Amino acid sequence: MKDPFDLPFDEPEPDTGTAPEAGSRAETAAEPEPPAPTRQIWTVSELTAEIRNLLESEFVEVWVEGEISNCRVWNTGHCYFTLKDAGAQLKAVMFRSAFRLLRFKPEDGLHVVARGRISVYDPKGEYQIVCEHMEPHGLGALQLAFDQLKRRLQAEGLFEAARKRPLPVLPRRIGVVTSLDGAAIRDIIKVLERRYPNVHLVIRPSRVQGEGAAADVARGLRAIGRVPGVDVVIVGRGGGSIEDLWAFNEEVVARAIAACPVPVISAVGHEVDVTIADFVADVRAPTPSAAAEIVVARKDEVCQRIDHLGGRLRAAARHRVQRLGLRLHSLQTRPGFALWPARLALRGRHTAELTHELGRTARALMARRQRQYQALRLTLETFDLRRRLGGVRTRLVRADSSLKAAAVGVRHRAVLRLQASVGRLETLSPLAVLGRGYAVCWDETRTTIIRDAGSVEIGQAVRVTLHKGELECRVDDKSNE
């Protein structure tokens, strides 16, 4: 039986109002039935891929306006977020290659316009926009990035006046971080030659615009901060558009300025140009030339000021001496001070006598203390452990020598006694008698010495000990003589 869903959906023929003839009806019944169409079955992956191909081919580049929500930046560097408005929402992703080129930081609630292509994320079956570019709606991306970084650094306290360092009056060595091709370095050198010709200038060349300029400026600040003797650093460049000056609005430059060990003067662009570096630096100069004028005072102005202060000091000293002299003269003319010189002389004489007596007493006391010290030192030396140990060591050496001599004598006498005993033993030893040709006769068991021939029988076995060796014999004959 056929599946009713496999049958074709034939539309009924239109009613013409006339009944068909019998012949035609027979012809129709005799016609063969057309074959049923085959159905196409898709897998989920195939259908999703087909939808993705359709979307990607139809929406190659679209601009979408909406509010960012659920914004997350993964450790891979990709940014995932949702674009929404009052009626709908759209998943969005911006890969690392495009995300790192943004001038501002996407965050929730930010109204943006994004450019990208529509695609489908196969594992979840969701369509999304792959963003390649993004800009704030109604506000430039550079201005937004500037405001974001300014708020963040201000919250960290990098703009506080309390951390600003004063500039030295006459720095001996000045560091400059700028481009060698720009007009800024020429203006700085010209002003310094005019105001302070003998200053030592240390220049660290750096790119000041374009890709990688901010990192190069930060490296230059760190390098020139390590140069010994640098008292102040000027960092900046000449004027230009906001894009040209953008390297000095980067966070890496701001933190390098804050971390510099010496005061930093920011001289970026013209007077109307304001950058993040101006807020972080210790002093902001409107132009590079003004920075050179700020960093050093005119040498002749300093000399004039020193001369002026020296003149004022000399005049004040003369006035004070004159005023004190008049006061002294008025005091000397008073009746109460008439006999003052004589009384002062008497007091001086009495002071001299007391001084002499005090010196004599002190010397006598010191001599007595010195004698007591010498006596105590001699007494202590008699109890000096080093001396006592020296005497003990001497007695030990002497006793050791006597002990060794006594031991040698005892050993010698013992050797002599041993030799005498050996000699006596040798004279009494039967072995010596055997050596002269004698022999000792034993019974067969070698337990009894045979001294009498009558104590043995004919045929009895005996043992004869010689000087060297022993004989086993048998008695064949005996004689009692």
Protein backbone atom coordinates (compact mmCIF):
# COMPACT_ATOMS: atom_id res chain seq x y z
CA MET A 1 0.00 0.00 0.00
CA LYS A 2 1.36 3.42 -0.96
CA ASP A 3 1.95 6.13 1.55
CA PRO A 4 -0.71 8.82 0.96
CA PHE A 5 2.05 11.44 1.40
CA ASP A 6 3.80 9.95 -1.65
CA LEU A 7 0.81 10.62 -3.92
CA PRO A 8 0.99 13.72 -6.11
CA PHE A 9 -1.12 16.70 -5.23
CA ASP A 10 -3.06 17.05 -8.53
CA GLU A 11 -5.25 20.04 -8.89
CA PRO A 12 -8.81 19.27 -10.15
CA GLU A 13 -9.47 20.09 -13.76
CA PRO A 14 -11.56 23.19 -14.33
CA ASP A 15 -15.27 22.56 -14.92
CA THR A 16 -16.13 23.54 -18.53
CA GLY A 17 -19.86 22.83 -18.07
CA THR A 18 -19.99 20.05 -20.73
CA ALA A 19 -19.94 16.37 -19.99
CA PRO A 20 -17.08 14.51 -21.58
CA GLU A 21 -17.85 12.11 -24.29
CA ALA A 22 -17.73 8.37 -23.75
CA GLY A 23 -14.82 7.88 -26.10
CA SER A 24 -12.66 10.48 -24.53
CA ARG A 25 -13.51 9.05 -21.12
CA ALA A 26 -12.27 5.69 -22.24
CA GLU A 27 -9.08 7.23 -23.60
CA THR A 28 -8.41 8.92 -20.29
CA ALA A 29 -8.89 5.77 -18.34
CA ALA A 30 -6.48 3.96 -20.57
CA GLU A 31 -3.62 6.50 -20.09
CA PRO A 32 -0.77 5.31 -17.74
CA GLU A 33 -0.46 6.92 -14.27
CA PRO A 34 2.58 9.31 -13.98
CA PRO A 35 5.36 8.16 -11.53
CA ALA A 36 5.38 9.64 -8.01
CA PRO A 37 8.15 12.27 -7.42
CA THR A 38 11.01 11.26 -5.06
CA ARG A 39 11.48 13.31 -1.87
CA GLN A 40 14.85 14.86 -0.85
CA ILE A 41 15.95 14.17 2.74
CA TRP A 42 18.49 16.58 4.33
CA THR A 43 20.67 15.98 7.32
CA VAL A 44 20.84 18.72 9.91
CA SER A 45 24.47 19.50 9.00
CA GLU A 46 23.66 19.66 5.28
CA LEU A 47 20.64 21.89 5.79
CA THR A 48 22.62 24.16 8.13
CA ALA A 49 25.49 24.36 5.64
CA GLU A 50 23.05 25.21 2.84
CA ILE A 51 21.46 27.95 4.94
CA ARG A 52 24.93 29.28 5.81
CA ASN A 53 25.91 29.36 2.13
CA LEU A 54 22.72 31.19 1.25
CA LEU A 55 23.19 33.75 4.01
CA GLU A 56 26.89 34.30 3.32
CA SER A 57 26.28 34.71 -0.41
CA GLU A 58 23.31 37.04 0.11
CA PHE A 59 24.63 39.16 3.02
CA VAL A 60 28.30 39.57 2.14
CA GLU A 61 28.69 42.98 3.74
CA VAL A 62 26.04 44.57 5.96
CA TRP A 63 26.03 47.47 8.41
CA VAL A 64 24.09 46.86 11.61
CA GLU A 65 23.25 49.40 14.29
CA GLY A 66 22.47 48.31 17.82
CA GLU A 67 23.37 48.29 21.50
CA ILE A 68 26.08 45.97 22.82
CA SER A 69 25.19 43.50 25.57
CA ASN A 70 26.83 40.39 27.07
CA CYS A 71 30.22 41.52 25.80
CA ARG A 72 33.02 39.08 26.64
CA VAL A 73 36.64 38.92 25.48
CA TRP A 74 38.09 35.41 25.71
CA ASN A 75 41.72 34.58 26.37
CA THR A 76 42.04 33.73 22.68
CA GLY A 77 41.55 37.40 21.87
CA HIS A 78 38.13 36.96 20.21
CA CYS A 79 35.24 39.19 21.32
CA TYR A 80 31.71 37.79 21.60
CA PHE A 81 28.68 40.04 22.18
CA THR A 82 25.06 40.64 21.22
CA LEU A 83 23.63 43.53 19.19
CA LYS A 84 20.09 44.41 20.19
CA ASP A 85 17.41 47.03 19.79
CA ALA A 86 13.87 47.36 21.09
CA GLY A 87 12.52 44.53 18.94
CA ALA A 88 15.24 41.93 18.33
CA GLN A 89 18.79 40.84 19.03
CA LEU A 90 21.63 39.43 16.93
CA LYS A 91 24.62 37.34 18.02
CA ALA A 92 27.93 38.84 16.97
CA VAL A 93 31.61 37.91 17.05
CA MET A 94 34.74 39.88 16.26
CA PHE A 95 37.87 37.82 15.81
CA ARG A 96 41.23 38.79 17.24
CA SER A 97 42.69 40.06 13.95
CA ALA A 98 39.94 42.70 13.68
CA PHE A 99 39.43 43.29 17.43
CA ARG A 100 43.00 44.40 18.08
CA LEU A 101 42.61 47.20 15.50
CA LEU A 102 39.78 48.88 17.41
CA ARG A 103 40.66 52.23 18.95
CA PHE A 104 38.06 51.89 21.71
CA LYS A 105 36.99 49.09 24.02
CA PRO A 106 33.52 47.59 23.40
CA GLU A 107 31.43 47.43 26.55
CA ASP A 108 27.82 46.71 27.53
CA GLY A 109 25.35 49.51 26.81
CA LEU A 110 27.47 51.10 24.08
CA HIS A 111 25.52 52.05 20.93
CA VAL A 112 27.60 51.11 17.86
CA VAL A 113 27.45 50.57 14.12
CA ALA A 114 29.11 47.32 13.01
CA ARG A 115 30.12 46.14 9.56
CA GLY A 116 30.45 42.45 8.74
CA ARG A 117 28.97 39.43 7.06
CA ILE A 118 26.11 37.16 8.11
CA SER A 119 27.05 33.55 8.85
CA VAL A 120 25.78 30.54 10.78
CA TYR A 121 27.43 28.91 13.77
CA ASP A 122 26.88 25.24 12.91
CA PRO A 123 27.22 23.61 16.39
CA LYS A 124 24.31 25.69 17.77
CA GLY A 125 22.45 26.42 14.55
CA GLU A 126 22.51 30.15 15.29
CA TYR A 127 22.99 32.83 12.72
CA GLN A 128 25.37 35.63 13.66
CA ILE A 129 27.26 38.54 12.24
CA VAL A 130 31.04 38.27 11.94
CA CYS A 131 32.14 41.88 12.52
CA GLU A 132 35.13 43.26 10.68
CA HIS A 133 34.75 46.89 11.72
CA MET A 134 32.95 48.77 14.48
CA GLU A 135 32.52 52.41 15.37
CA PRO A 136 30.49 54.23 18.03
CA HIS A 137 27.18 55.66 16.90
CA GLY A 138 27.22 59.44 17.00
CA LEU A 139 30.79 59.67 18.45
CA GLY A 140 34.16 59.06 16.82
CA ALA A 141 36.05 55.93 17.77
CA LEU A 142 39.19 57.89 18.63
CA GLN A 143 37.31 60.28 20.89
CA LEU A 144 35.58 57.40 22.64
CA ALA A 145 38.89 55.57 23.17
CA PHE A 146 40.39 58.83 24.48
CA ASP A 147 37.56 59.29 26.99
CA GLN A 148 37.68 55.65 28.13
CA LEU A 149 41.43 55.68 28.76
CA LYS A 150 41.25 59.08 30.44
CA ARG A 151 38.59 57.89 32.89
CA ARG A 152 40.49 54.70 33.69
CA LEU A 153 43.84 56.40 34.31
CA GLN A 154 42.21 59.19 36.30
CA ALA A 155 40.57 56.59 38.52
CA GLU A 156 44.00 55.06 39.14
CA GLY A 157 45.36 58.46 40.27
CA LEU A 158 47.86 59.01 37.44
CA PHE A 159 46.59 62.55 36.92
CA GLU A 160 46.86 63.61 40.56
CA ALA A 161 48.84 66.78 41.23
CA ALA A 162 50.41 65.17 44.32
CA ARG A 163 52.47 62.79 42.16
CA LYS A 164 53.80 65.54 39.88
CA ARG A 165 57.53 66.12 40.38
CA PRO A 166 59.21 69.56 40.23
CA LEU A 167 61.69 70.28 37.45
CA PRO A 168 65.36 70.95 38.24
CA VAL A 169 66.42 74.58 37.83
CA LEU A 170 69.52 73.90 35.73
CA PRO A 171 69.59 70.27 34.61
CA ARG A 172 73.00 68.99 33.61
CA ARG A 173 71.68 66.32 31.23
CA ILE A 174 68.38 66.45 29.33
CA GLY A 175 66.81 63.45 27.59
CA VAL A 176 64.65 63.82 24.49
CA VAL A 177 62.38 61.14 23.01
CA THR A 178 61.14 62.17 19.57
CA SER A 179 61.69 61.65 15.86
CA LEU A 180 64.93 62.79 14.24
CA ASP A 181 63.06 63.75 11.07
CA GLY A 182 60.58 66.16 12.64
CA ALA A 183 60.80 69.86 13.38
CA ALA A 184 60.41 69.27 17.12
CA ILE A 185 64.01 68.15 17.68
CA ARG A 186 65.36 71.12 15.69
CA ASP A 187 63.27 73.57 17.72
CA ILE A 188 64.41 72.04 21.00
CA ILE A 189 68.09 72.16 20.04
CA LYS A 190 67.78 75.77 18.82
CA VAL A 191 66.19 76.97 22.07
CA LEU A 192 68.66 75.07 24.27
CA GLU A 193 71.63 76.49 22.36
CA ARG A 194 70.30 80.00 22.92
CA ARG A 195 69.35 79.66 26.59
CA TYR A 196 71.84 77.10 27.94
CA PRO A 197 74.66 76.31 25.46
CA ASN A 198 76.65 73.94 27.68
CA VAL A 199 73.78 71.57 28.46
CA HIS A 200 74.30 67.86 27.72
CA LEU A 201 71.55 66.54 25.44
CA VAL A 202 70.72 62.80 25.19
CA ILE A 203 68.42 61.97 22.24
CA ARG A 204 66.62 58.67 21.87
CA PRO A 205 65.14 58.48 18.34
CA SER A 206 61.61 57.12 18.13
CA ARG A 207 58.71 56.89 15.74
CA VAL A 208 55.94 59.30 16.70
CA GLN A 209 53.11 58.22 14.38
CA GLY A 210 51.87 55.14 12.59
CA GLU A 211 51.66 51.51 13.53
CA GLY A 212 53.90 50.59 16.48
CA ALA A 213 54.78 54.22 17.31
CA ALA A 214 53.31 54.03 20.83
CA ALA A 215 55.37 50.95 21.73
CA ASP A 216 58.49 52.61 20.30
CA VAL A 217 57.92 55.77 22.37
CA ALA A 218 57.42 53.66 25.51
CA ARG A 219 60.65 51.76 24.83
CA GLY A 220 62.45 55.07 24.32
CA LEU A 221 61.22 56.40 27.67
CA ARG A 222 62.34 53.25 29.47
CA ALA A 223 65.73 53.32 27.75
CA ILE A 224 66.45 56.99 28.44
CA GLY A 225 65.31 56.58 32.06
CA ARG A 226 68.15 54.09 32.56
CA VAL A 227 70.82 56.52 31.29
CA PRO A 228 72.82 57.70 34.34
CA GLY A 229 72.78 61.43 35.04
CA VAL A 230 69.62 62.33 33.11
CA ASP A 231 67.73 64.94 35.17
CA VAL A 232 64.62 65.52 33.02
CA VAL A 233 63.05 64.04 29.87
CA ILE A 234 61.16 65.79 27.05
CA VAL A 235 58.81 63.59 25.02
CA GLY A 236 56.71 64.86 22.13
CA ARG A 237 56.44 65.82 18.49
CA GLY A 238 55.17 68.60 16.25
CA GLY A 239 51.58 69.29 15.30
CA GLY A 240 49.27 67.11 13.22
CA SER A 241 45.83 65.55 13.07
CA ILE A 242 44.37 63.50 15.89
CA GLU A 243 45.39 60.35 14.02
CA ASP A 244 48.98 61.60 13.76
CA LEU A 245 49.09 62.40 17.48
CA TRP A 246 47.33 59.21 18.53
CA ALA A 247 50.52 57.43 19.67
CA PHE A 248 50.57 59.78 22.68
CA ASN A 249 46.99 58.74 23.58
CA GLU A 250 47.95 55.08 24.01
CA GLU A 251 47.98 53.47 27.46
CA VAL A 252 51.48 52.05 27.04
CA VAL A 253 52.92 55.57 26.60
CA ALA A 254 50.99 56.92 29.59
CA ARG A 255 52.25 54.16 31.86
CA ALA A 256 55.82 54.56 30.58
CA ILE A 257 55.67 58.29 31.46
CA ALA A 258 54.32 57.49 34.94
CA ALA A 259 57.06 54.90 35.51
CA CYS A 260 59.93 57.15 34.37
CA PRO A 261 62.32 57.75 37.31
CA VAL A 262 62.89 61.45 36.43
CA PRO A 263 60.43 64.30 35.70
CA VAL A 264 58.86 64.21 32.23
CA ILE A 265 57.71 67.16 30.08
CA SER A 266 55.05 66.40 27.49
CA ALA A 267 55.32 68.55 24.36
CA VAL A 268 52.87 67.15 21.82
CA GLY A 269 51.52 69.16 18.90
CA HIS A 270 50.34 72.76 19.26
CA GLU A 271 48.76 74.56 22.18
CA VAL A 272 45.24 73.40 21.25
CA ASP A 273 46.25 69.74 21.08
CA VAL A 274 45.64 67.78 24.29
CA THR A 275 46.71 64.15 24.73
CA ILE A 276 46.74 61.58 27.51
CA ALA A 277 50.49 62.09 27.80
CA ASP A 278 49.84 65.72 28.80
CA PHE A 279 47.73 64.63 31.76
CA VAL A 280 50.21 62.00 33.01
CA ALA A 281 53.41 64.02 32.52
CA ASP A 282 54.80 66.13 35.33
CA VAL A 283 54.65 69.29 33.18
CA ARG A 284 52.74 69.99 29.97
CA ALA A 285 54.30 72.27 27.38
CA PRO A 286 52.17 73.68 24.55
CA THR A 287 54.93 73.13 21.95
CA PRO A 288 58.38 71.49 21.81
CA SER A 289 60.00 74.96 21.78
CA ALA A 290 58.11 75.90 24.94
CA ALA A 291 59.28 72.66 26.53
CA ALA A 292 62.90 73.62 25.90
CA GLU A 293 62.25 77.06 27.42
CA ILE A 294 60.56 75.51 30.44
CA VAL A 295 63.24 72.91 31.12
CA VAL A 296 66.08 75.47 31.46
CA ALA A 297 66.12 79.04 32.57
CA ARG A 298 68.26 81.54 30.66
CA LYS A 299 71.81 81.32 31.96
CA ASP A 300 72.34 85.08 32.13
CA GLU A 301 69.04 85.42 34.01
CA VAL A 302 70.29 82.96 36.61
CA CYS A 303 73.59 84.84 36.90
CA GLN A 304 71.77 88.15 37.29
CA ARG A 305 69.55 86.70 39.95
CA ILE A 306 72.58 85.32 41.83
CA ASP A 307 74.29 88.71 41.65
CA HIS A 308 71.14 90.44 42.84
CA LEU A 309 70.75 88.08 45.77
CA GLY A 310 74.46 88.44 46.61
CA GLY A 311 74.13 92.23 46.66
CA ARG A 312 71.10 92.03 48.90
CA LEU A 313 72.93 89.66 51.24
CA ARG A 314 75.97 91.96 51.50
CA ALA A 315 73.78 94.99 52.13
CA ALA A 316 71.83 93.16 54.82
CA ALA A 317 75.07 92.04 56.50
CA ARG A 318 76.52 95.58 56.50
CA HIS A 319 73.30 97.00 57.89
CA ARG A 320 73.22 94.41 60.65
CA VAL A 321 76.88 95.04 61.60
CA GLN A 322 76.27 98.79 61.74
CA ARG A 323 73.13 98.35 63.83
CA LEU A 324 74.90 96.03 66.29
CA GLY A 325 77.89 98.42 66.47
CA LEU A 326 75.62 101.36 67.39
CA ARG A 327 73.91 99.23 70.00
CA LEU A 328 77.26 98.22 71.49
CA HIS A 329 78.43 101.87 71.60
CA SER A 330 75.26 102.91 73.37
CA LEU A 331 75.69 100.14 75.92
CA GLN A 332 79.30 101.09 76.56
CA THR A 333 78.36 104.70 77.32
CA ARG A 334 75.91 103.76 80.06
CA PRO A 335 77.05 104.35 83.72
CA GLY A 336 76.42 100.77 84.74
CA PHE A 337 78.98 99.50 82.23
CA ALA A 338 81.77 101.94 83.12
CA LEU A 339 83.77 99.40 85.19
CA TRP A 340 82.83 96.50 82.97
CA PRO A 341 86.28 96.07 81.30
CA ALA A 342 88.04 95.81 84.68
CA ARG A 343 85.51 93.37 86.03
CA LEU A 344 85.77 91.39 82.82
CA ALA A 345 89.57 91.25 83.19
CA LEU A 346 89.25 90.00 86.79
CA ARG A 347 86.78 87.40 85.70
CA GLY A 348 89.17 86.36 82.95
CA ARG A 349 92.07 86.02 85.40
CA HIS A 350 89.92 83.98 87.78
CA THR A 351 88.81 81.81 84.87
CA ALA A 352 92.43 81.23 83.85
CA GLU A 353 93.37 80.21 87.40
CA LEU A 354 90.45 77.86 87.64
CA THR A 355 91.33 76.43 84.27
CA HIS A 356 94.94 75.81 85.34
CA GLU A 357 93.87 74.22 88.64
CA LEU A 358 91.32 72.07 86.86
CA GLY A 359 93.96 70.89 84.38
CA ARG A 360 96.45 70.09 87.16
CA THR A 361 93.84 68.16 89.14
CA ALA A 362 92.75 66.30 86.05
CA ARG A 363 96.34 65.35 85.18
CA ALA A 364 96.99 64.16 88.77
CA LEU A 365 93.83 62.13 88.74
CA MET A 366 94.76 60.64 85.38
CA ALA A 367 98.24 59.73 86.65
CA ARG A 368 96.77 58.05 89.74
CA ARG A 369 94.28 56.16 87.61
CA GLN A 370 97.09 55.13 85.30
CA ARG A 371 99.13 53.70 88.17
CA GLN A 372 96.11 51.83 89.47
CA TYR A 373 95.49 50.50 86.00
CA GLN A 374 99.08 49.25 85.66
CA ALA A 375 98.93 47.53 89.06
CA LEU A 376 95.65 45.84 88.21
CA ARG A 377 97.00 44.81 84.81
CA LEU A 378 100.08 43.17 86.41
CA THR A 379 97.86 41.40 88.94
CA LEU A 380 95.59 40.15 86.21
CA GLU A 381 98.58 38.95 84.19
CA THR A 382 99.54 36.60 87.03
CA PHE A 383 96.14 34.97 86.59
CA ASP A 384 96.35 35.05 82.85
CA LEU A 385 95.07 31.76 81.54
CA ARG A 386 97.51 31.83 78.63
CA ARG A 387 100.50 32.01 80.99
CA ARG A 388 99.10 29.32 83.26
CA LEU A 389 98.41 27.12 80.27
CA GLY A 390 102.02 27.72 79.11
CA GLY A 391 103.40 26.49 82.45
CA VAL A 392 101.09 23.50 82.42
CA ARG A 393 102.17 22.75 78.86
CA THR A 394 105.86 22.91 79.90
CA ARG A 395 105.28 20.52 82.82
CA LEU A 396 103.39 18.19 80.55
CA VAL A 397 106.22 18.16 78.03
CA ARG A 398 108.76 17.49 80.79
CA ALA A 399 106.61 14.73 82.30
CA ASP A 400 106.09 13.23 78.87
CA SER A 401 109.84 13.15 78.26
CA SER A 402 110.47 11.54 81.66
CA LEU A 403 107.73 8.99 81.02
CA LYS A 404 109.16 8.06 77.66
CA ALA A 405 112.67 7.69 79.13
CA ALA A 406 111.33 5.53 82.00
CA ALA A 407 109.39 3.38 79.57
CA VAL A 408 112.50 2.88 77.43
CA GLY A 409 114.56 1.90 80.54
CA VAL A 410 111.93 -0.54 81.76
CA ARG A 411 111.74 -2.09 78.33
CA HIS A 412 115.53 -2.38 78.10
CA ARG A 413 115.79 -4.05 81.54
CA ALA A 414 112.97 -6.42 80.66
CA VAL A 415 114.75 -7.37 77.44
CA LEU A 416 117.96 -8.07 79.40
CA ARG A 417 116.10 -10.24 81.92
CA LEU A 418 114.38 -12.08 79.09
CA GLN A 419 117.67 -12.76 77.36
CA ALA A 420 119.25 -14.07 80.61
CA SER A 421 116.25 -16.32 81.21
CA VAL A 422 116.45 -17.60 77.67
CA GLY A 423 120.14 -18.40 78.16
CA ARG A 424 119.45 -20.29 81.36
CA LEU A 425 116.58 -22.15 79.77
CA GLU A 426 118.71 -23.11 76.86
CA THR A 427 121.36 -24.54 79.19
CA LEU A 428 118.72 -26.64 80.99
CA SER A 429 116.76 -27.60 77.89
CA PRO A 430 116.83 -31.33 76.98
CA LEU A 431 116.88 -30.28 73.37
CA ALA A 432 120.38 -28.94 73.89
CA VAL A 433 121.42 -32.32 75.30
CA LEU A 434 119.84 -34.02 72.30
CA GLY A 435 121.81 -31.70 70.06
CA ARG A 436 125.03 -33.08 71.51
CA GLY A 437 124.11 -36.60 70.31
CA TYR A 438 121.94 -37.95 73.08
CA ALA A 439 118.45 -39.42 72.61
CA VAL A 440 115.36 -40.02 74.76
CA CYS A 441 113.67 -43.45 74.75
CA TRP A 442 109.90 -43.63 75.34
CA ASP A 443 107.51 -46.47 75.66
CA GLU A 444 105.19 -47.28 72.79
CA THR A 445 102.50 -44.86 74.03
CA ARG A 446 105.09 -42.11 74.50
CA THR A 447 104.00 -41.49 78.09
CA THR A 448 106.92 -42.89 80.08
CA ILE A 449 110.64 -42.38 79.64
CA ILE A 450 112.57 -45.65 79.73
CA ARG A 451 115.57 -45.28 82.05
CA ASP A 452 116.24 -48.97 82.81
CA ALA A 453 116.78 -51.74 80.24
CA GLY A 454 115.16 -54.17 82.61
CA SER A 455 111.83 -52.37 82.33
CA VAL A 456 111.38 -53.43 78.70
CA GLU A 457 110.91 -56.82 77.11
CA ILE A 458 112.43 -58.36 74.00
CA GLY A 459 110.20 -57.54 71.01
CA GLN A 460 108.58 -54.51 72.70
CA ALA A 461 108.12 -51.42 70.54
CA VAL A 462 109.74 -48.21 71.79
CA ARG A 463 110.07 -44.65 70.45
CA VAL A 464 113.40 -42.81 70.34
CA THR A 465 113.42 -39.01 70.19
CA LEU A 466 116.48 -37.51 68.51
CA HIS A 467 117.63 -33.92 68.14
CA LYS A 468 115.86 -33.86 64.81
CA GLY A 469 113.03 -36.34 64.37
CA GLU A 470 111.86 -39.50 66.10
CA LEU A 471 112.43 -43.27 65.58
CA GLU A 472 110.01 -46.10 66.15
CA CYS A 473 112.07 -49.20 67.21
CA ARG A 474 111.56 -52.74 68.44
CA VAL A 475 113.82 -54.28 71.14
CA ASP A 476 115.77 -57.28 69.76
CA ASP A 477 118.22 -57.57 72.62
CA LYS A 478 118.93 -55.92 75.94
CA SER A 479 121.77 -55.67 78.44
CA ASN A 480 121.65 -54.47 82.01
CA GLU A 481 125.27 -53.21 82.05
